Amino acid sequence: MQPHARGFSLIERMIVVSIIAILALIAMPSYQGKIVRYQIIEGAALASIAKRPIAAQWALSQNLPADNAAAGLPVAENIVSTLITGIEID
């Protein structure tokens, strides 16, 4: 009698890899959505820095500030985060 081979056959390994690939394809869109939401939340939080000075300028003169200096904000390159390179009032 011939001894029985141990381990997984090539077909079984290919089936497992196929199942993992299908699950990854299903999970990918929800993961990308989470990344986009994170980026939007971080951008909105950083933009809130400029909201108060712009609102104060509007309340005083009914005109929007022309640039960061007119709003009392630092230059655009100084207001940064990991995803945003600067906030510039234009």
PDB file of N, CA and C in Angstrom:
ATOM      1  N   MET A   1       0.831  -1.171   0.000  1.00  0.00           N
ATOM      2  CA  MET A   1       0.000   0.000   0.000  1.00  0.00           C
ATOM      3  C   MET A   1       0.889   1.254   0.000  1.00  0.00           C
ATOM      4  N   GLN A   2       0.491   2.219  -0.785  1.00  0.00           N
ATOM      5  CA  GLN A   2       1.250   3.456  -0.934  1.00  0.00           C
ATOM      6  C   GLN A   2       0.886   4.434   0.192  1.00  0.00           C
ATOM      7  N   PRO A   3       1.893   5.124   0.775  1.00  0.00           N
ATOM      8  CA  PRO A   3       1.563   6.081   1.844  1.00  0.00           C
ATOM      9  C   PRO A   3       0.788   7.271   1.279  1.00  0.00           C
ATOM     10  N   HIS A   4      -0.131   7.783   2.067  1.00  0.00           N
ATOM     11  CA  HIS A   4      -0.978   8.928   1.666  1.00  0.00           C
ATOM     12  C   HIS A   4      -0.157  10.224   1.778  1.00  0.00           C
ATOM     13  N   ALA A   5      -0.200  11.060   0.765  1.00  0.00           N
ATOM     14  CA  ALA A   5       0.524  12.329   0.772  1.00  0.00           C
ATOM     15  C   ALA A   5      -0.140  13.303   1.726  1.00  0.00           C
ATOM     16  N   ARG A   6       0.682  14.038   2.427  1.00  0.00           N
ATOM     17  CA  ARG A   6       0.151  15.014   3.381  1.00  0.00           C
ATOM     18  C   ARG A   6       0.270  16.410   2.796  1.00  0.00           C
ATOM     19  N   GLY A   7      -0.541  17.335   3.300  1.00  0.00           N
ATOM     20  CA  GLY A   7      -0.493  18.717   2.846  1.00  0.00           C
ATOM     21  C   GLY A   7      -1.643  19.029   1.896  1.00  0.00           C
ATOM     22  N   PHE A   8      -1.594  20.230   1.333  1.00  0.00           N
ATOM     23  CA  PHE A   8      -2.656  20.690   0.444  1.00  0.00           C
ATOM     24  C   PHE A   8      -2.206  20.558  -1.007  1.00  0.00           C
ATOM     25  N   SER A   9      -3.160  20.239  -1.843  1.00  0.00           N
ATOM     26  CA  SER A   9      -2.843  20.142  -3.268  1.00  0.00           C
ATOM     27  C   SER A   9      -2.826  21.541  -3.882  1.00  0.00           C
ATOM     28  N   LEU A  10      -2.326  21.629  -5.091  1.00  0.00           N
ATOM     29  CA  LEU A  10      -2.255  22.907  -5.794  1.00  0.00           C
ATOM     30  C   LEU A  10      -3.653  23.487  -6.017  1.00  0.00           C
ATOM     31  N   ILE A  11      -4.615  22.660  -6.325  1.00  0.00           N
ATOM     32  CA  ILE A  11      -6.002  23.105  -6.553  1.00  0.00           C
ATOM     33  C   ILE A  11      -6.566  23.736  -5.281  1.00  0.00           C
ATOM     34  N   GLU A  12      -6.337  23.116  -4.146  1.00  0.00           N
ATOM     35  CA  GLU A  12      -6.855  23.656  -2.885  1.00  0.00           C
ATOM     36  C   GLU A  12      -6.221  25.005  -2.562  1.00  0.00           C
ATOM     37  N   ARG A  13      -4.953  25.139  -2.811  1.00  0.00           N
ATOM     38  CA  ARG A  13      -4.290  26.418  -2.580  1.00  0.00           C
ATOM     39  C   ARG A  13      -4.836  27.500  -3.497  1.00  0.00           C
ATOM     40  N   MET A  14      -5.071  27.161  -4.745  1.00  0.00           N
ATOM     41  CA  MET A  14      -5.617  28.138  -5.700  1.00  0.00           C
ATOM     42  C   MET A  14      -7.021  28.569  -5.300  1.00  0.00           C
ATOM     43  N   ILE A  15      -7.817  27.660  -4.767  1.00  0.00           N
ATOM     44  CA  ILE A  15      -9.171  28.015  -4.318  1.00  0.00           C
ATOM     45  C   ILE A  15      -9.099  28.986  -3.146  1.00  0.00           C
ATOM     46  N   VAL A  16      -8.200  28.733  -2.211  1.00  0.00           N
ATOM     47  CA  VAL A  16      -8.054  29.625  -1.055  1.00  0.00           C
ATOM     48  C   VAL A  16      -7.594  31.013  -1.502  1.00  0.00           C
ATOM     49  N   VAL A  17      -6.638  31.102  -2.408  1.00  0.00           N
ATOM     50  CA  VAL A  17      -6.170  32.390  -2.918  1.00  0.00           C
ATOM     51  C   VAL A  17      -7.299  33.120  -3.640  1.00  0.00           C
ATOM     52  N   SER A  18      -8.118  32.390  -4.398  1.00  0.00           N
ATOM     53  CA  SER A  18      -9.250  33.003  -5.104  1.00  0.00           C
ATOM     54  C   SER A  18     -10.263  33.576  -4.126  1.00  0.00           C
ATOM     55  N   ILE A  19     -10.552  32.859  -3.067  1.00  0.00           N
ATOM     56  CA  ILE A  19     -11.511  33.343  -2.064  1.00  0.00           C
ATOM     57  C   ILE A  19     -10.972  34.595  -1.379  1.00  0.00           C
ATOM     58  N   ILE A  20      -9.706  34.611  -1.044  1.00  0.00           N
ATOM     59  CA  ILE A  20      -9.105  35.790  -0.418  1.00  0.00           C
ATOM     60  C   ILE A  20      -9.153  36.987  -1.364  1.00  0.00           C
ATOM     61  N   ALA A  21      -8.897  36.762  -2.648  1.00  0.00           N
ATOM     62  CA  ALA A  21      -8.949  37.860  -3.625  1.00  0.00           C
ATOM     63  C   ALA A  21     -10.358  38.410  -3.751  1.00  0.00           C
ATOM     64  N   ILE A  22     -11.358  37.551  -3.760  1.00  0.00           N
ATOM     65  CA  ILE A  22     -12.754  38.012  -3.854  1.00  0.00           C
ATOM     66  C   ILE A  22     -13.125  38.825  -2.625  1.00  0.00           C
ATOM     67  N   LEU A  23     -12.743  38.367  -1.443  1.00  0.00           N
ATOM     68  CA  LEU A  23     -13.042  39.122  -0.220  1.00  0.00           C
ATOM     69  C   LEU A  23     -12.333  40.472  -0.211  1.00  0.00           C
ATOM     70  N   ALA A  24     -11.125  40.524  -0.717  1.00  0.00           N
ATOM     71  CA  ALA A  24     -10.400  41.797  -0.788  1.00  0.00           C
ATOM     72  C   ALA A  24     -11.093  42.763  -1.742  1.00  0.00           C
ATOM     73  N   LEU A  25     -11.598  42.255  -2.860  1.00  0.00           N
ATOM     74  CA  LEU A  25     -12.307  43.117  -3.810  1.00  0.00           C
ATOM     75  C   LEU A  25     -13.602  43.660  -3.219  1.00  0.00           C
ATOM     76  N   ILE A  26     -14.247  42.877  -2.388  1.00  0.00           N
ATOM     77  CA  ILE A  26     -15.484  43.336  -1.744  1.00  0.00           C
ATOM     78  C   ILE A  26     -15.175  44.403  -0.695  1.00  0.00           C
ATOM     79  N   ALA A  27     -14.081  44.241   0.035  1.00  0.00           N
ATOM     80  CA  ALA A  27     -13.747  45.171   1.121  1.00  0.00           C
ATOM     81  C   ALA A  27     -13.144  46.468   0.625  1.00  0.00           C
ATOM     82  N   MET A  28     -12.570  46.492  -0.554  1.00  0.00           N
ATOM     83  CA  MET A  28     -11.850  47.667  -1.054  1.00  0.00           C
ATOM     84  C   MET A  28     -12.695  48.937  -1.133  1.00  0.00           C
ATOM     85  N   PRO A  29     -13.906  48.931  -1.699  1.00  0.00           N
ATOM     86  CA  PRO A  29     -14.679  50.188  -1.781  1.00  0.00           C
ATOM     87  C   PRO A  29     -15.003  50.794  -0.420  1.00  0.00           C
ATOM     88  N   SER A  30     -15.324  49.969   0.568  1.00  0.00           N
ATOM     89  CA  SER A  30     -15.640  50.546   1.876  1.00  0.00           C
ATOM     90  C   SER A  30     -14.392  51.143   2.523  1.00  0.00           C
ATOM     91  N   TYR A  31     -13.248  50.547   2.299  1.00  0.00           N
ATOM     92  CA  TYR A  31     -12.006  51.083   2.840  1.00  0.00           C
ATOM     93  C   TYR A  31     -11.652  52.410   2.173  1.00  0.00           C
ATOM     94  N   GLN A  32     -11.849  52.502   0.866  1.00  0.00           N
ATOM     95  CA  GLN A  32     -11.576  53.756   0.167  1.00  0.00           C
ATOM     96  C   GLN A  32     -12.521  54.857   0.631  1.00  0.00           C
ATOM     97  N   GLY A  33     -13.763  54.516   0.900  1.00  0.00           N
ATOM     98  CA  GLY A  33     -14.713  55.489   1.419  1.00  0.00           C
ATOM     99  C   GLY A  33     -14.283  56.040   2.764  1.00  0.00           C
ATOM    100  N   LYS A  34     -13.743  55.172   3.613  1.00  0.00           N
ATOM    101  CA  LYS A  34     -13.265  55.624   4.919  1.00  0.00           C
ATOM    102  C   LYS A  34     -12.089  56.585   4.764  1.00  0.00           C
ATOM    103  N   ILE A  35     -11.218  56.310   3.815  1.00  0.00           N
ATOM    104  CA  ILE A  35     -10.069  57.188   3.579  1.00  0.00           C
ATOM    105  C   ILE A  35     -10.540  58.569   3.128  1.00  0.00           C
ATOM    106  N   VAL A  36     -11.509  58.608   2.222  1.00  0.00           N
ATOM    107  CA  VAL A  36     -12.027  59.887   1.725  1.00  0.00           C
ATOM    108  C   VAL A  36     -12.691  60.663   2.858  1.00  0.00           C
ATOM    109  N   ARG A  37     -13.488  59.971   3.682  1.00  0.00           N
ATOM    110  CA  ARG A  37     -14.130  60.649   4.814  1.00  0.00           C
ATOM    111  C   ARG A  37     -13.095  61.220   5.770  1.00  0.00           C
ATOM    112  N   TYR A  38     -12.034  60.493   6.035  1.00  0.00           N
ATOM    113  CA  TYR A  38     -10.978  60.978   6.915  1.00  0.00           C
ATOM    114  C   TYR A  38     -10.330  62.236   6.344  1.00  0.00           C
ATOM    115  N   GLN A  39     -10.079  62.237   5.048  1.00  0.00           N
ATOM    116  CA  GLN A  39      -9.449  63.398   4.420  1.00  0.00           C
ATOM    117  C   GLN A  39     -10.366  64.615   4.481  1.00  0.00           C
ATOM    118  N   ILE A  40     -11.652  64.425   4.269  1.00  0.00           N
ATOM    119  CA  ILE A  40     -12.608  65.539   4.332  1.00  0.00           C
ATOM    120  C   ILE A  40     -12.700  66.090   5.749  1.00  0.00           C
ATOM    121  N   ILE A  41     -12.739  65.209   6.735  1.00  0.00           N
ATOM    122  CA  ILE A  41     -12.828  65.657   8.128  1.00  0.00           C
ATOM    123  C   ILE A  41     -11.585  66.452   8.518  1.00  0.00           C
ATOM    124  N   GLU A  42     -10.411  65.974   8.104  1.00  0.00           N
ATOM    125  CA  GLU A  42      -9.174  66.702   8.433  1.00  0.00           C
ATOM    126  C   GLU A  42      -9.132  68.058   7.736  1.00  0.00           C
ATOM    127  N   GLY A  43      -9.585  68.127   6.495  1.00  0.00           N
ATOM    128  CA  GLY A  43      -9.608  69.395   5.772  1.00  0.00           C
ATOM    129  C   GLY A  43     -10.581  70.380   6.382  1.00  0.00           C
ATOM    130  N   ALA A  44     -11.749  69.901   6.793  1.00  0.00           N
ATOM    131  CA  ALA A  44     -12.743  70.780   7.409  1.00  0.00           C
ATOM    132  C   ALA A  44     -12.253  71.308   8.758  1.00  0.00           C
ATOM    133  N   ALA A  45     -11.579  70.469   9.505  1.00  0.00           N
ATOM    134  CA  ALA A  45     -11.056  70.915  10.804  1.00  0.00           C
ATOM    135  C   ALA A  45      -9.992  71.987  10.617  1.00  0.00           C
ATOM    136  N   LEU A  46      -9.156  71.829   9.621  1.00  0.00           N
ATOM    137  CA  LEU A  46      -8.121  72.838   9.380  1.00  0.00           C
ATOM    138  C   LEU A  46      -8.729  74.122   8.811  1.00  0.00           C
ATOM    139  N   ALA A  47      -9.777  74.002   8.013  1.00  0.00           N
ATOM    140  CA  ALA A  47     -10.424  75.187   7.456  1.00  0.00           C
ATOM    141  C   ALA A  47     -11.140  76.000   8.540  1.00  0.00           C
ATOM    142  N   SER A  48     -11.501  75.358   9.633  1.00  0.00           N
ATOM    143  CA  SER A  48     -12.179  76.097  10.710  1.00  0.00           C
ATOM    144  C   SER A  48     -11.268  77.150  11.331  1.00  0.00           C
ATOM    145  N   ILE A  49      -9.958  77.010  11.136  1.00  0.00           N
ATOM    146  CA  ILE A  49      -9.021  78.032  11.629  1.00  0.00           C
ATOM    147  C   ILE A  49      -9.292  79.374  10.948  1.00  0.00           C
ATOM    148  N   ALA A  50      -9.653  79.328   9.677  1.00  0.00           N
ATOM    149  CA  ALA A  50      -9.859  80.563   8.912  1.00  0.00           C
ATOM    150  C   ALA A  50     -11.284  81.102   9.035  1.00  0.00           C
ATOM    151  N   LYS A  51     -12.203  80.328   9.550  1.00  0.00           N
ATOM    152  CA  LYS A  51     -13.608  80.768   9.591  1.00  0.00           C
ATOM    153  C   LYS A  51     -13.818  81.997  10.473  1.00  0.00           C
ATOM    154  N   ARG A  52     -13.282  81.972  11.686  1.00  0.00           N
ATOM    155  CA  ARG A  52     -13.516  83.083  12.617  1.00  0.00           C
ATOM    156  C   ARG A  52     -12.965  84.416  12.128  1.00  0.00           C
ATOM    157  N   PRO A  53     -11.720  84.479  11.649  1.00  0.00           N
ATOM    158  CA  PRO A  53     -11.221  85.769  11.158  1.00  0.00           C
ATOM    159  C   PRO A  53     -11.991  86.280   9.944  1.00  0.00           C
ATOM    160  N   ILE A  54     -12.412  85.381   9.068  1.00  0.00           N
ATOM    161  CA  ILE A  54     -13.187  85.809   7.896  1.00  0.00           C
ATOM    162  C   ILE A  54     -14.557  86.319   8.334  1.00  0.00           C
ATOM    163  N   ALA A  55     -15.191  85.609   9.279  1.00  0.00           N
ATOM    164  CA  ALA A  55     -16.499  86.051   9.776  1.00  0.00           C
ATOM    165  C   ALA A  55     -16.389  87.394  10.487  1.00  0.00           C
ATOM    166  N   ALA A  56     -15.315  87.602  11.239  1.00  0.00           N
ATOM    167  CA  ALA A  56     -15.136  88.879  11.930  1.00  0.00           C
ATOM    168  C   ALA A  56     -14.931  90.016  10.934  1.00  0.00           C
ATOM    169  N   GLN A  57     -14.151  89.779   9.892  1.00  0.00           N
ATOM    170  CA  GLN A  57     -13.938  90.796   8.849  1.00  0.00           C
ATOM    171  C   GLN A  57     -15.261  91.139   8.167  1.00  0.00           C
ATOM    172  N   TRP A  58     -16.070  90.115   7.881  1.00  0.00           N
ATOM    173  CA  TRP A  58     -17.358  90.356   7.230  1.00  0.00           C
ATOM    174  C   TRP A  58     -18.290  91.146   8.146  1.00  0.00           C
ATOM    175  N   ALA A  59     -18.278  90.812   9.431  1.00  0.00           N
ATOM    176  CA  ALA A  59     -19.155  91.512  10.375  1.00  0.00           C
ATOM    177  C   ALA A  59     -18.780  92.984  10.510  1.00  0.00           C
ATOM    178  N   LEU A  60     -17.507  93.298  10.419  1.00  0.00           N
ATOM    179  CA  LEU A  60     -17.069  94.679  10.565  1.00  0.00           C
ATOM    180  C   LEU A  60     -17.305  95.524   9.319  1.00  0.00           C
ATOM    181  N   SER A  61     -16.974  94.991   8.156  1.00  0.00           N
ATOM    182  CA  SER A  61     -16.974  95.850   6.976  1.00  0.00           C
ATOM    183  C   SER A  61     -17.851  95.372   5.821  1.00  0.00           C
ATOM    184  N   GLN A  62     -18.524  94.239   5.982  1.00  0.00           N
ATOM    185  CA  GLN A  62     -19.341  93.656   4.912  1.00  0.00           C
ATOM    186  C   GLN A  62     -18.520  93.365   3.655  1.00  0.00           C
ATOM    187  N   ASN A  63     -17.221  93.187   3.819  1.00  0.00           N
ATOM    188  CA  ASN A  63     -16.313  92.800   2.733  1.00  0.00           C
ATOM    189  C   ASN A  63     -15.505  91.598   3.184  1.00  0.00           C
ATOM    190  N   LEU A  64     -15.225  90.723   2.249  1.00  0.00           N
ATOM    191  CA  LEU A  64     -14.367  89.584   2.556  1.00  0.00           C
ATOM    192  C   LEU A  64     -12.904  90.010   2.457  1.00  0.00           C
ATOM    193  N   PRO A  65     -12.036  89.418   3.288  1.00  0.00           N
ATOM    194  CA  PRO A  65     -10.620  89.786   3.229  1.00  0.00           C
ATOM    195  C   PRO A  65      -9.999  89.367   1.897  1.00  0.00           C
ATOM    196  N   ALA A  66      -9.027  90.135   1.440  1.00  0.00           N
ATOM    197  CA  ALA A  66      -8.393  89.878   0.152  1.00  0.00           C
ATOM    198  C   ALA A  66      -7.361  88.767   0.232  1.00  0.00           C
ATOM    199  N   ASP A  67      -6.697  88.619   1.371  1.00  0.00           N
ATOM    200  CA  ASP A  67      -5.671  87.591   1.505  1.00  0.00           C
ATOM    201  C   ASP A  67      -5.526  87.204   2.971  1.00  0.00           C
ATOM    202  N   ASN A  68      -4.574  86.362   3.269  1.00  0.00           N
ATOM    203  CA  ASN A  68      -4.383  85.904   4.644  1.00  0.00           C
ATOM    204  C   ASN A  68      -4.009  87.049   5.581  1.00  0.00           C
ATOM    205  N   ALA A  69      -3.183  87.974   5.111  1.00  0.00           N
ATOM    206  CA  ALA A  69      -2.761  89.086   5.963  1.00  0.00           C
ATOM    207  C   ALA A  69      -3.947  89.981   6.329  1.00  0.00           C
ATOM    208  N   ALA A  70      -4.841  90.204   5.378  1.00  0.00           N
ATOM    209  CA  ALA A  70      -6.010  91.047   5.662  1.00  0.00           C
ATOM    210  C   ALA A  70      -6.950  90.386   6.664  1.00  0.00           C
ATOM    211  N   ALA A  71      -6.947  89.053   6.699  1.00  0.00           N
ATOM    212  CA  ALA A  71      -7.794  88.339   7.658  1.00  0.00           C
ATOM    213  C   ALA A  71      -7.103  88.143   8.996  1.00  0.00           C
ATOM    214  N   GLY A  72      -5.823  88.476   9.066  1.00  0.00           N
ATOM    215  CA  GLY A  72      -5.083  88.288  10.309  1.00  0.00           C
ATOM    216  C   GLY A  72      -4.566  86.867  10.474  1.00  0.00           C
ATOM    217  N   LEU A  73      -4.403  86.158   9.386  1.00  0.00           N
ATOM    218  CA  LEU A  73      -3.893  84.787   9.421  1.00  0.00           C
ATOM    219  C   LEU A  73      -2.433  84.757   8.968  1.00  0.00           C
ATOM    220  N   PRO A  74      -1.685  83.740   9.386  1.00  0.00           N
ATOM    221  CA  PRO A  74      -0.316  83.616   8.882  1.00  0.00           C
ATOM    222  C   PRO A  74      -0.322  83.240   7.397  1.00  0.00           C
ATOM    223  N   VAL A  75       0.843  83.264   6.776  1.00  0.00           N
ATOM    224  CA  VAL A  75       0.926  82.910   5.356  1.00  0.00           C
ATOM    225  C   VAL A  75       0.457  81.473   5.162  1.00  0.00           C
ATOM    226  N   ALA A  76       0.031  81.171   3.929  1.00  0.00           N
ATOM    227  CA  ALA A  76      -0.597  79.884   3.634  1.00  0.00           C
ATOM    228  C   ALA A  76       0.310  78.702   3.955  1.00  0.00           C
ATOM    229  N   GLU A  77       1.604  78.836   3.776  1.00  0.00           N
ATOM    230  CA  GLU A  77       2.529  77.728   4.011  1.00  0.00           C
ATOM    231  C   GLU A  77       2.682  77.391   5.494  1.00  0.00           C
ATOM    232  N   ASN A  78       2.224  78.261   6.372  1.00  0.00           N
ATOM    233  CA  ASN A  78       2.328  78.002   7.810  1.00  0.00           C
ATOM    234  C   ASN A  78       1.105  77.284   8.364  1.00  0.00           C
ATOM    235  N   ILE A  79       0.027  77.212   7.605  1.00  0.00           N
ATOM    236  CA  ILE A  79      -1.174  76.508   8.043  1.00  0.00           C
ATOM    237  C   ILE A  79      -1.215  75.198   7.259  1.00  0.00           C
ATOM    238  N   VAL A  80      -0.621  74.150   7.809  1.00  0.00           N
ATOM    239  CA  VAL A  80      -0.485  72.883   7.090  1.00  0.00           C
ATOM    240  C   VAL A  80      -0.875  71.709   7.991  1.00  0.00           C
ATOM    241  N   SER A  81      -1.091  70.569   7.365  1.00  0.00           N
ATOM    242  CA  SER A  81      -1.292  69.308   8.062  1.00  0.00           C
ATOM    243  C   SER A  81      -0.683  68.211   7.202  1.00  0.00           C
ATOM    244  N   THR A  82      -0.963  66.978   7.544  1.00  0.00           N
ATOM    245  CA  THR A  82      -0.379  65.874   6.782  1.00  0.00           C
ATOM    246  C   THR A  82      -0.949  65.784   5.377  1.00  0.00           C
ATOM    247  N   LEU A  83      -2.170  66.229   5.167  1.00  0.00           N
ATOM    248  CA  LEU A  83      -2.814  66.131   3.859  1.00  0.00           C
ATOM    249  C   LEU A  83      -2.951  67.462   3.148  1.00  0.00           C
ATOM    250  N   ILE A  84      -2.842  68.566   3.875  1.00  0.00           N
ATOM    251  CA  ILE A  84      -3.086  69.897   3.297  1.00  0.00           C
ATOM    252  C   ILE A  84      -1.774  70.678   3.320  1.00  0.00           C
ATOM    253  N   THR A  85      -1.464  71.285   2.182  1.00  0.00           N
ATOM    254  CA  THR A  85      -0.195  72.000   2.080  1.00  0.00           C
ATOM    255  C   THR A  85      -0.305  73.469   2.466  1.00  0.00           C
ATOM    256  N   GLY A  86      -1.517  73.983   2.620  1.00  0.00           N
ATOM    257  CA  GLY A  86      -1.656  75.366   3.041  1.00  0.00           C
ATOM    258  C   GLY A  86      -3.080  75.856   2.837  1.00  0.00           C
ATOM    259  N   ILE A  87      -3.457  76.864   3.639  1.00  0.00           N
ATOM    260  CA  ILE A  87      -4.767  77.500   3.499  1.00  0.00           C
ATOM    261  C   ILE A  87      -4.532  78.938   3.072  1.00  0.00           C
ATOM    262  N   GLU A  88      -5.042  79.274   1.908  1.00  0.00           N
ATOM    263  CA  GLU A  88      -4.852  80.603   1.359  1.00  0.00           C
ATOM    264  C   GLU A  88      -6.208  81.241   1.074  1.00  0.00           C
ATOM    265  N   ILE A  89      -6.392  82.446   1.574  1.00  0.00           N
ATOM    266  CA  ILE A  89      -7.611  83.206   1.286  1.00  0.00           C
ATOM    267  C   ILE A  89      -7.382  83.967  -0.002  1.00  0.00           C
ATOM    268  N   ASP A  90      -8.303  83.805  -0.921  1.00  0.00           N
ATOM    269  CA  ASP A  90      -8.147  84.431  -2.231  1.00  0.00           C
ATOM    270  C   ASP A  90      -9.389  85.239  -2.551  1.00  0.00           C
TER     271      ASP A  90
END
